[in-house]
C-alpha atoms as a PDB file:
ATOM      1  CA  MET A   1      56.161 -78.380  61.658  1.00  0.00           C
ATOM      2  CA  ASP A   2      54.246 -76.659  64.374  1.00  0.00           C
ATOM      3  CA  LEU A   3      51.397 -74.301  63.140  1.00  0.00           C
ATOM      4  CA  LYS A   4      50.471 -71.582  65.731  1.00  0.00           C
ATOM      5  CA  THR A   5      48.361 -68.617  65.102  1.00  0.00           C
ATOM      6  CA  PRO A   6      48.028 -65.754  67.227  1.00  0.00           C
ATOM      7  CA  GLN A   7      44.904 -65.619  69.342  1.00  0.00           C
ATOM      8  CA  ASP A   8      42.699 -62.279  70.027  1.00  0.00           C
ATOM      9  CA  THR A   9      42.969 -61.146  73.585  1.00  0.00           C
ATOM     10  CA  LEU A  10      39.877 -60.040  75.114  1.00  0.00           C
ATOM     11  CA  THR A  11      40.292 -57.594  77.697  1.00  0.00           C
ATOM     12  CA  ILE A  12      37.833 -56.421  80.200  1.00  0.00           C
ATOM     13  CA  ASP A  13      37.990 -53.345  82.692  1.00  0.00           C
ATOM     14  CA  PRO A  14      34.593 -52.540  83.759  1.00  0.00           C
ATOM     15  CA  ILE A  15      35.566 -49.276  85.429  1.00  0.00           C
ATOM     16  CA  ALA A  16      36.834 -48.066  82.267  1.00  0.00           C
ATOM     17  CA  MET A  17      33.991 -49.371  80.500  1.00  0.00           C
ATOM     18  CA  ASN A  18      31.867 -47.734  82.796  1.00  0.00           C
ATOM     19  CA  VAL A  19      29.812 -50.433  84.622  1.00  0.00           C
ATOM     20  CA  VAL A  20      28.558 -49.356  87.221  1.00  0.00           C
ATOM     21  CA  ASN A  21      26.284 -52.456  88.988  1.00  0.00           C
ATOM     22  CA  ARG A  22      27.871 -55.609  90.159  1.00  0.00           C
ATOM     23  CA  VAL A  23      26.306 -58.757  91.606  1.00  0.00           C
ATOM     24  CA  ALA A  24      29.084 -60.375  93.783  1.00  0.00           C
ATOM     25  CA  ALA A  25      30.762 -63.894  94.040  1.00  0.00           C
ATOM     26  CA  GLY A  26      28.342 -66.032  96.381  1.00  0.00           C
ATOM     27  CA  SER A  27      25.471 -63.776  95.651  1.00  0.00           C
ATOM     28  CA  VAL A  28      22.262 -64.902  94.132  1.00  0.00           C
ATOM     29  CA  LEU A  29      19.647 -62.435  92.917  1.00  0.00           C
ATOM     30  CA  GLY A  30      16.453 -63.036  91.203  1.00  0.00           C
ATOM     31  CA  GLY A  31      13.436 -61.338  89.938  1.00  0.00           C
ATOM     32  CA  ASP A  32      12.275 -58.874  87.196  1.00  0.00           C
ATOM     33  CA  LEU A  33      15.019 -56.342  87.619  1.00  0.00           C
ATOM     34  CA  THR A  34      16.570 -53.657  85.294  1.00  0.00           C
ATOM     35  CA  PHE A  35      19.927 -52.292  85.457  1.00  0.00           C
ATOM     36  CA  GLU A  36      20.965 -48.979  84.327  1.00  0.00           C
ATOM     37  CA  GLY A  37      24.671 -48.683  83.208  1.00  0.00           C
ATOM     38  CA  GLY A  38      25.663 -51.954  82.759  1.00  0.00           C
ATOM     39  CA  LEU A  39      26.100 -55.066  84.934  1.00  0.00           C
ATOM     40  CA  LEU A  40      29.024 -57.089  85.860  1.00  0.00           C
ATOM     41  CA  VAL A  41      27.768 -60.736  87.221  1.00  0.00           C
ATOM     42  CA  GLN A  42      30.186 -62.649  89.135  1.00  0.00           C
ATOM     43  CA  GLY A  43      27.525 -64.296  91.596  1.00  0.00           C
ATOM     44  CA  GLU A  44      24.108 -66.008  90.344  1.00  0.00           C
ATOM     45  CA  LEU A  45      21.319 -63.957  88.541  1.00  0.00           C
ATOM     46  CA  SER A  46      17.952 -65.085  87.326  1.00  0.00           C
ATOM     47  CA  GLY A  47      14.715 -63.677  86.044  1.00  0.00           C
ATOM     48  CA  HIS A  48      13.356 -61.033  83.542  1.00  0.00           C
ATOM     49  CA  LEU A  49      16.255 -59.033  83.055  1.00  0.00           C
ATOM     50  CA  ARG A  50      17.148 -55.786  81.276  1.00  0.00           C
ATOM     51  CA  VAL A  51      20.589 -54.311  81.103  1.00  0.00           C
ATOM     52  CA  ASN A  52      20.842 -50.666  79.767  1.00  0.00           C
ATOM     53  CA  GLY A  53      24.689 -50.672  78.768  1.00  0.00           C
ATOM     54  CA  ARG A  54      27.188 -53.795  78.889  1.00  0.00           C
ATOM     55  CA  LEU A  55      26.705 -57.280  80.628  1.00  0.00           C
ATOM     56  CA  ILE A  56      29.937 -58.842  81.625  1.00  0.00           C
ATOM     57  CA  ILE A  57      29.237 -62.711  82.688  1.00  0.00           C
ATOM     58  CA  TRP A  58      32.898 -63.309  84.347  1.00  0.00           C
ATOM     59  CA  THR A  59      34.268 -66.596  85.074  1.00  0.00           C
ATOM     60  CA  GLY A  60      32.206 -68.355  87.717  1.00  0.00           C
ATOM     61  CA  GLY A  61      29.213 -66.412  87.156  1.00  0.00           C
ATOM     62  CA  SER A  62      25.805 -67.715  85.623  1.00  0.00           C
ATOM     63  CA  VAL A  63      22.745 -65.598  84.417  1.00  0.00           C
ATOM     64  CA  ARG A  64      19.392 -67.641  83.589  1.00  0.00           C
ATOM     65  CA  GLY A  65      16.205 -66.407  82.321  1.00  0.00           C
ATOM     66  CA  ARG A  66      14.820 -63.773  79.745  1.00  0.00           C
ATOM     67  CA  ILE A  67      17.588 -61.501  79.477  1.00  0.00           C
ATOM     68  CA  GLN A  68      17.639 -58.030  77.069  1.00  0.00           C
ATOM     69  CA  VAL A  69      20.842 -56.568  76.755  1.00  0.00           C
ATOM     70  CA  PHE A  70      21.065 -53.119  75.132  1.00  0.00           C
ATOM     71  CA  GLY A  71      24.541 -52.614  74.630  1.00  0.00           C
ATOM     72  CA  ASP A  72      27.601 -55.500  74.202  1.00  0.00           C
ATOM     73  CA  LEU A  73      27.703 -58.937  76.041  1.00  0.00           C
ATOM     74  CA  TYR A  74      30.928 -60.450  77.541  1.00  0.00           C
ATOM     75  CA  LEU A  75      30.162 -64.447  78.177  1.00  0.00           C
ATOM     76  CA  PHE A  76      33.026 -65.675  80.450  1.00  0.00           C
ATOM     77  CA  GLY A  77      30.879 -67.713  82.649  1.00  0.00           C
ATOM     78  CA  ARG A  78      27.704 -69.371  82.075  1.00  0.00           C
ATOM     79  CA  LEU A  79      24.597 -68.391  80.198  1.00  0.00           C
ATOM     80  CA  GLY A  80      21.704 -70.818  81.032  1.00  0.00           C
ATOM     81  CA  ASP A  81      21.214 -73.844  83.105  1.00  0.00           C
ATOM     82  CA  PRO A  82      22.621 -77.170  81.881  1.00  0.00           C
ATOM     83  CA  ASP A  83      19.867 -79.367  83.118  1.00  0.00           C
ATOM     84  CA  ALA A  84      16.990 -77.140  81.626  1.00  0.00           C
ATOM     85  CA  ASP A  85      15.947 -76.720  77.931  1.00  0.00           C
ATOM     86  CA  ALA A  86      17.896 -74.265  75.969  1.00  0.00           C
ATOM     87  CA  HIS A  87      14.420 -72.480  75.393  1.00  0.00           C
ATOM     88  CA  ALA A  88      14.265 -71.780  79.342  1.00  0.00           C
ATOM     89  CA  THR A  89      16.854 -68.897  79.014  1.00  0.00           C
ATOM     90  CA  SER A  90      16.946 -66.383  76.126  1.00  0.00           C
ATOM     91  CA  LEU A  91      19.232 -63.381  75.821  1.00  0.00           C
ATOM     92  CA  GLU A  92      18.658 -60.913  73.010  1.00  0.00           C
ATOM     93  CA  CYS A  93      21.860 -58.607  72.891  1.00  0.00           C
ATOM     94  CA  HIS A  94      21.498 -55.386  71.022  1.00  0.00           C
ATOM     95  CA  GLY A  95      25.164 -55.082  70.413  1.00  0.00           C
ATOM     96  CA  MET A  96      28.135 -57.168  70.072  1.00  0.00           C
ATOM     97  CA  ALA A  97      28.233 -60.708  71.770  1.00  0.00           C
ATOM     98  CA  TYR A  98      31.625 -61.993  72.770  1.00  0.00           C
ATOM     99  CA  VAL A  99      32.169 -65.730  74.063  1.00  0.00           C
ATOM    100  CA  SER A 100      35.593 -66.307  75.422  1.00  0.00           C
ATOM    101  CA  LYS A 101      37.502 -69.938  76.095  1.00  0.00           C
ATOM    102  CA  THR A 102      35.692 -70.354  79.397  1.00  0.00           C
ATOM    103  CA  GLY A 103      32.074 -68.925  78.236  1.00  0.00           C
ATOM    104  CA  VAL A 104      29.518 -71.538  78.127  1.00  0.00           C
ATOM    105  CA  SER A 105      25.995 -70.876  76.499  1.00  0.00           C
ATOM    106  CA  THR A 106      23.342 -73.437  76.955  1.00  0.00           C
ATOM    107  CA  GLY A 107      20.463 -71.110  76.528  1.00  0.00           C
ATOM    108  CA  THR A 108      19.617 -69.421  73.267  1.00  0.00           C
ATOM    109  CA  LEU A 109      21.496 -66.404  72.276  1.00  0.00           C
ATOM    110  CA  LEU A 110      20.702 -63.785  69.690  1.00  0.00           C
ATOM    111  CA  ALA A 111      22.710 -61.055  68.939  1.00  0.00           C
ATOM    112  CA  ARG A 112      23.729 -58.469  66.373  1.00  0.00           C
ATOM    113  CA  ARG A 113      27.267 -59.878  65.589  1.00  0.00           C
ATOM    114  CA  LEU A 114      28.786 -62.774  67.369  1.00  0.00           C
ATOM    115  CA  GLN A 115      32.358 -63.414  68.310  1.00  0.00           C
ATOM    116  CA  LEU A 116      33.595 -66.531  69.466  1.00  0.00           C
ATOM    117  CA  TYR A 117      37.130 -67.177  70.733  1.00  0.00           C
ATOM    118  CA  GLU A 118      39.039 -70.603  70.410  1.00  0.00           C
ATOM    119  CA  GLY A 119      37.050 -72.684  72.988  1.00  0.00           C
ATOM    120  CA  ALA A 120      34.248 -71.109  73.251  1.00  0.00           C
ATOM    121  CA  ASP A 121      31.118 -73.547  74.383  1.00  0.00           C
ATOM    122  CA  LEU A 122      27.970 -72.645  72.194  1.00  0.00           C
ATOM    123  CA  GLN A 123      25.374 -75.688  73.023  1.00  0.00           C
ATOM    124  CA  GLY A 124      22.360 -74.038  72.862  1.00  0.00           C
ATOM    125  CA  PRO A 125      20.621 -72.264  69.606  1.00  0.00           C
ATOM    126  CA  PHE A 126      22.159 -69.036  68.092  1.00  0.00           C
ATOM    127  CA  LYS A 127      20.957 -66.459  65.714  1.00  0.00           C
ATOM    128  CA  THR A 128      21.841 -62.805  64.492  1.00  0.00           C
ATOM    129  CA  LEU A 129      19.243 -60.108  64.656  1.00  0.00           C
ATOM    130  CA  LYS A 130      18.549 -58.270  61.978  1.00  0.00           C
ATOM    131  CA  LEU A 131      18.619 -54.118  62.152  1.00  0.00           C
ATOM    132  CA  GLY A 132      15.364 -53.914  60.854  1.00  0.00           C
ATOM    133  CA  ALA A 133      13.659 -56.529  62.894  1.00  0.00           C
ATOM    134  CA  THR A 134      13.589 -54.381  65.945  1.00  0.00           C
ATOM    135  CA  LEU A 135      12.412 -51.226  64.375  1.00  0.00           C
ATOM    136  CA  PRO A 136       8.706 -50.323  64.635  1.00  0.00           C
ATOM    137  CA  GLU A 137       6.999 -50.369  61.185  1.00  0.00           C
ATOM    138  CA  LEU A 138       6.016 -47.060  59.805  1.00  0.00           C
ATOM    139  CA  GLN A 139       2.262 -46.275  58.597  1.00  0.00           C
ATOM    140  CA  ASP A 140       2.038 -46.248  54.908  1.00  0.00           C
ATOM    141  CA  ALA A 141       0.230 -42.923  55.303  1.00  0.00           C
ATOM    142  CA  LEU A 142       0.332 -40.406  57.917  1.00  0.00           C
ATOM    143  CA  PRO A 143      -2.849 -39.893  59.865  1.00  0.00           C
ATOM    144  CA  GLY A 144      -5.338 -37.732  57.916  1.00  0.00           C
ATOM    145  CA  GLN A 145      -3.749 -38.154  54.746  1.00  0.00           C
ATOM    146  CA  THR A 146      -5.752 -40.627  51.889  1.00  0.00           C
END
């Protein structure tokens, strides 16, 4: 008896998703960088990164460093450096993190929600973010009140 279960399909269309920035295959980019409108990484990207929108790490692409994503993460390539400590790369995703069958994470992955597909490779630690963890704390009383 052959038991097969249907697999979810993860379809990516950067144009329809309004992802306006791209690091092309063969490109190497690093530094303290901010991307508005999402980012498609097909080359190598490293540093302190902030992505306001979706981050798509394509097959063959890699991202290392300290990364904040204010949107969803789609991991088809590599997050982290396989020869470095898991804490050398840290990605904080304030949306949903999707890790495909070709996705490999050797860094630390923090996300609100996590969706793994069969074959996904999480080698580094991962943790779910709680909603209240990123909200500022309100003062017990308004200024001028006692």
